[in-house]
Amino acid sequence: MRIVIAGAHGQIARELGRLLAAHDHDVAGLIRNPDHVADLEADGVAPVIMDLENSTTDDVIQVLTGADAAVFAAGAGPGSSVERKDSVDRGAAVLLAEGAEQAGVARFVQISSVGLDAVRDGARPDGLADAMYAYLIAKLAAEEDLVTRDLDWTILRPGRLTDDPAVGLVNLAPSVEAGSIPRHDVAAVLAELMNTGRGSRQILEVVSGSESIPDAVAALPITL
């Protein structure tokens, strides 16, 4: 399967790329910085230089044509401006989904975030910083766009991310109790979703738990 990962040099995305390449998938990674080319090549991922903030739908279609699946793992990152939260976490996600739809890429998996209901319908919790508010609003808008598209989409909302070693045990469901999860375990869940095709048209939350990742993914309901 040919899979394109946007934001391919991020910590979750790099581990995902390695896992998918190890399963003999043909993996391409979209990156902005040419200095990251060697890292992706070492992971077995073909680097593609593309800045989604400054690309057109036609640019994205060209890259995605012939792909079987796409993963949106990009993000403006900590310390970025409110404007970039919108242009990356929303704008780039929408652009990739639009390109996938037009290029005939059926499968689309998007990394999102827990906590989006807190900003739904104009709500804003007291004390929420502007940057975090902008981030949640952008992620919510990206989800709302994706669920309307003619794609076999899955949205994964990880809990608080850590750099702890992978454990391989998770709680994966449409709604889970608040918790944390190592980035490598998030990548493993994403890889299992891609390898099995499970999670179609589902919004899923994931934190560390007690069920093995293969079992947790296998237990997801099949939707038509």
Protein backbone atom coordinates (compact mmCIF):
# COMPACT_ATOMS: atom_id res chain seq x y z
CA MET A 1 0.00 0.00 0.00
CA ARG A 2 1.28 3.47 -0.85
CA ILE A 3 0.82 5.83 2.12
CA VAL A 4 1.59 9.55 2.28
CA ILE A 5 2.26 11.13 5.68
CA ALA A 6 2.00 14.91 6.10
CA GLY A 7 4.22 16.35 8.80
CA ALA A 8 6.47 13.33 8.43
CA HIS A 9 9.35 14.57 10.59
CA GLY A 10 7.27 14.90 13.76
CA GLN A 11 7.91 12.44 16.57
CA ILE A 12 4.71 10.45 16.07
CA ALA A 13 4.98 10.63 12.29
CA ARG A 14 8.57 9.40 12.17
CA GLU A 15 7.76 6.37 14.30
CA LEU A 16 4.68 5.74 12.15
CA GLY A 17 6.78 5.92 9.01
CA ARG A 18 9.23 3.39 10.41
CA LEU A 19 6.44 1.01 11.43
CA LEU A 20 4.70 1.22 8.06
CA ALA A 21 7.96 0.77 6.14
CA ALA A 22 8.71 -2.30 8.27
CA HIS A 23 5.39 -3.74 7.05
CA ASP A 24 6.58 -3.27 3.46
CA HIS A 25 4.32 -0.33 2.70
CA ASP A 26 5.53 2.27 0.19
CA VAL A 27 5.68 5.34 2.43
CA ALA A 28 6.23 8.95 1.36
CA GLY A 29 6.64 11.77 3.85
CA LEU A 30 5.80 15.43 3.29
CA ILE A 31 8.30 17.76 4.98
CA ARG A 32 9.04 21.49 4.75
CA ASN A 33 12.70 21.41 5.73
CA PRO A 34 15.21 19.89 3.28
CA ASP A 35 17.53 19.24 6.24
CA HIS A 36 15.16 16.45 7.30
CA VAL A 37 15.54 14.45 4.07
CA ALA A 38 18.30 12.19 5.42
CA ASP A 39 16.31 11.33 8.55
CA LEU A 40 13.33 10.14 6.54
CA GLU A 41 15.51 8.17 4.14
CA ALA A 42 17.09 6.43 7.12
CA ASP A 43 13.57 5.49 8.29
CA GLY A 44 12.73 3.92 4.93
CA VAL A 45 10.42 6.81 4.02
CA ALA A 46 10.66 8.67 0.70
CA PRO A 47 10.90 12.41 1.47
CA VAL A 48 8.80 14.92 -0.48
CA ILE A 49 9.50 18.61 0.06
CA MET A 50 6.15 20.37 0.37
CA ASP A 51 4.98 23.27 2.52
CA LEU A 52 1.25 22.73 2.88
CA GLU A 53 0.79 26.30 4.13
CA ASN A 54 1.93 27.56 0.75
CA SER A 55 0.68 24.84 -1.59
CA THR A 56 -2.34 24.59 -3.83
CA THR A 57 -4.87 21.80 -4.15
CA ASP A 58 -3.30 20.89 -7.49
CA ASP A 59 0.11 20.56 -5.79
CA VAL A 60 -1.36 18.17 -3.25
CA ILE A 61 -3.27 16.18 -5.87
CA GLN A 62 -0.04 15.64 -7.77
CA VAL A 63 1.67 14.18 -4.70
CA LEU A 64 -1.32 12.05 -3.67
CA THR A 65 -2.20 10.62 -7.07
CA GLY A 66 -1.66 6.87 -6.94
CA ALA A 67 -1.64 6.72 -3.14
CA ASP A 68 -3.91 4.35 -1.25
CA ALA A 69 -3.97 6.32 2.00
CA ALA A 70 -2.94 9.61 3.57
CA VAL A 71 -2.19 10.54 7.17
CA PHE A 72 -2.35 14.08 8.49
CA ALA A 73 0.21 14.30 11.29
CA ALA A 74 1.33 17.91 10.81
CA GLY A 75 0.98 20.64 13.39
CA ALA A 76 2.10 24.18 14.01
CA GLY A 77 3.73 23.03 17.23
CA PRO A 78 4.29 24.57 20.67
CA GLY A 79 5.15 28.25 20.65
CA SER A 80 3.63 28.90 17.24
CA SER A 81 1.38 31.89 16.64
CA VAL A 82 -2.40 31.88 16.73
CA GLU A 83 -2.34 32.49 12.98
CA ARG A 84 -0.23 29.37 12.35
CA LYS A 85 -2.51 27.25 14.50
CA ASP A 86 -5.19 28.05 11.94
CA SER A 87 -3.05 27.81 8.81
CA VAL A 88 -1.51 24.45 9.76
CA ASP A 89 -3.80 22.63 12.18
CA ARG A 90 -6.89 23.60 10.19
CA GLY A 91 -5.82 24.90 6.80
CA ALA A 92 -3.22 22.26 5.96
CA ALA A 93 -5.49 19.46 7.17
CA VAL A 94 -8.35 20.69 5.01
CA LEU A 95 -6.04 21.07 2.02
CA LEU A 96 -4.71 17.52 2.36
CA ALA A 97 -8.23 16.12 2.72
CA GLU A 98 -9.40 18.06 -0.33
CA GLY A 99 -6.44 16.80 -2.32
CA ALA A 100 -7.03 13.23 -1.19
CA GLU A 101 -10.67 13.38 -2.17
CA GLN A 102 -9.91 14.75 -5.62
CA ALA A 103 -7.00 12.36 -6.18
CA GLY A 104 -9.15 9.34 -5.33
CA VAL A 105 -7.28 8.44 -2.15
CA ALA A 106 -9.87 6.45 -0.25
CA ARG A 107 -8.29 6.14 3.22
CA PHE A 108 -7.55 9.24 5.33
CA VAL A 109 -6.38 9.19 8.95
CA GLN A 110 -6.08 12.43 10.91
CA ILE A 111 -4.39 13.06 14.25
CA SER A 112 -6.52 15.40 16.30
CA SER A 113 -6.79 16.18 20.02
CA VAL A 114 -8.92 15.49 23.04
CA GLY A 115 -10.77 18.42 24.59
CA LEU A 116 -12.45 19.75 21.47
CA ASP A 117 -15.94 19.67 22.95
CA ALA A 118 -14.83 22.38 25.36
CA VAL A 119 -14.72 24.91 22.50
CA ARG A 120 -17.67 23.68 20.49
CA ASP A 121 -20.45 26.15 19.61
CA GLY A 122 -18.43 29.19 20.64
CA ALA A 123 -17.64 27.97 24.16
CA ARG A 124 -14.37 28.96 25.82
CA PRO A 125 -13.36 27.61 29.24
CA ASP A 126 -12.20 30.18 31.78
CA GLY A 127 -8.46 30.63 31.86
CA LEU A 128 -7.78 28.89 28.55
CA ALA A 129 -4.76 30.57 26.92
CA ASP A 130 -5.20 32.14 23.50
CA ALA A 131 -2.78 29.72 21.82
CA MET A 132 -4.50 26.63 23.21
CA TYR A 133 -7.92 28.04 22.36
CA ALA A 134 -6.78 28.68 18.78
CA TYR A 135 -5.33 25.18 18.58
CA LEU A 136 -8.54 23.50 19.75
CA ILE A 137 -10.67 25.64 17.45
CA ALA A 138 -8.42 24.74 14.50
CA LYS A 139 -8.51 21.03 15.28
CA LEU A 140 -12.28 21.09 15.68
CA ALA A 141 -12.70 22.86 12.32
CA ALA A 142 -10.44 20.29 10.64
CA GLU A 143 -12.55 17.47 12.07
CA GLU A 144 -15.80 19.11 11.02
CA ASP A 145 -14.47 19.42 7.47
CA LEU A 146 -13.18 15.85 7.27
CA VAL A 147 -16.37 14.13 8.41
CA THR A 148 -18.29 15.67 5.49
CA ARG A 149 -15.96 14.26 2.85
CA ASP A 150 -16.32 11.20 0.66
CA LEU A 151 -13.34 9.51 2.29
CA ASP A 152 -12.82 6.43 4.44
CA TRP A 153 -11.70 8.63 7.31
CA THR A 154 -10.60 7.96 10.86
CA ILE A 155 -9.89 10.69 13.42
CA LEU A 156 -7.60 9.77 16.32
CA ARG A 157 -7.61 11.99 19.42
CA PRO A 158 -4.67 11.14 21.71
CA GLY A 159 -4.60 12.15 25.35
CA ARG A 160 -1.69 14.09 26.83
CA LEU A 161 1.42 13.07 24.89
CA THR A 162 4.57 11.93 26.64
CA ASP A 163 8.07 10.87 25.61
CA ASP A 164 7.91 7.78 27.83
CA PRO A 165 8.89 4.42 26.31
CA ALA A 166 6.15 2.59 24.46
CA VAL A 167 4.03 0.26 26.59
CA GLY A 168 1.76 -1.21 23.93
CA LEU A 169 -1.34 -1.10 26.12
CA VAL A 170 -4.13 1.38 25.44
CA ASN A 171 -7.71 2.37 26.02
CA LEU A 172 -9.19 3.08 22.58
CA ALA A 173 -12.83 4.09 22.17
CA PRO A 174 -15.07 6.95 21.03
CA SER A 175 -14.74 8.39 24.54
CA VAL A 176 -12.18 7.53 27.22
CA GLU A 177 -11.25 8.91 30.61
CA ALA A 178 -8.57 11.61 30.61
CA GLY A 179 -5.03 10.30 30.59
CA SER A 180 -1.68 10.33 28.87
CA ILE A 181 -0.03 8.17 26.23
CA PRO A 182 3.52 7.80 24.87
CA ARG A 183 3.95 9.16 21.37
CA HIS A 184 5.31 5.80 20.19
CA ASP A 185 2.10 4.09 21.29
CA VAL A 186 0.06 6.63 19.32
CA ALA A 187 2.15 5.78 16.27
CA ALA A 188 1.56 2.07 16.86
CA VAL A 189 -2.20 2.62 17.02
CA LEU A 190 -2.07 4.58 13.78
CA ALA A 191 -0.04 1.84 12.11
CA GLU A 192 -2.52 -0.81 13.27
CA LEU A 193 -5.42 1.26 11.92
CA MET A 194 -3.66 1.53 8.57
CA ASN A 195 -2.64 -2.13 8.42
CA THR A 196 -6.11 -3.44 9.31
CA GLY A 197 -8.38 -0.81 7.79
CA ARG A 198 -10.34 -0.66 11.05
CA GLY A 199 -11.84 2.53 12.49
CA SER A 200 -13.64 3.58 9.33
CA ARG A 201 -15.65 6.79 9.79
CA GLN A 202 -14.99 6.83 13.53
CA ILE A 203 -13.69 9.50 15.90
CA LEU A 204 -11.58 7.69 18.49
CA GLU A 205 -9.85 8.76 21.68
CA VAL A 206 -6.78 6.93 22.95
CA VAL A 207 -4.81 6.92 26.20
CA SER A 208 -2.63 4.35 27.91
CA GLY A 209 -4.72 1.49 29.25
CA SER A 210 -4.83 -2.27 29.69
CA GLU A 211 -5.58 -3.68 26.22
CA SER A 212 -2.97 -4.56 23.64
CA ILE A 213 -2.99 -2.33 20.60
CA PRO A 214 -3.90 -5.14 18.14
CA ASP A 215 -6.75 -6.27 20.39
CA ALA A 216 -8.00 -2.71 20.93
CA VAL A 217 -8.11 -2.02 17.20
CA ALA A 218 -9.65 -5.41 16.41
CA ALA A 219 -12.44 -4.66 18.90
CA LEU A 220 -13.54 -1.51 17.06
CA PRO A 221 -17.00 -1.81 15.53
CA ILE A 222 -17.22 -2.21 11.78
CA THR A 223 -19.16 0.62 10.18
CA LEU A 224 -20.55 0.64 6.65
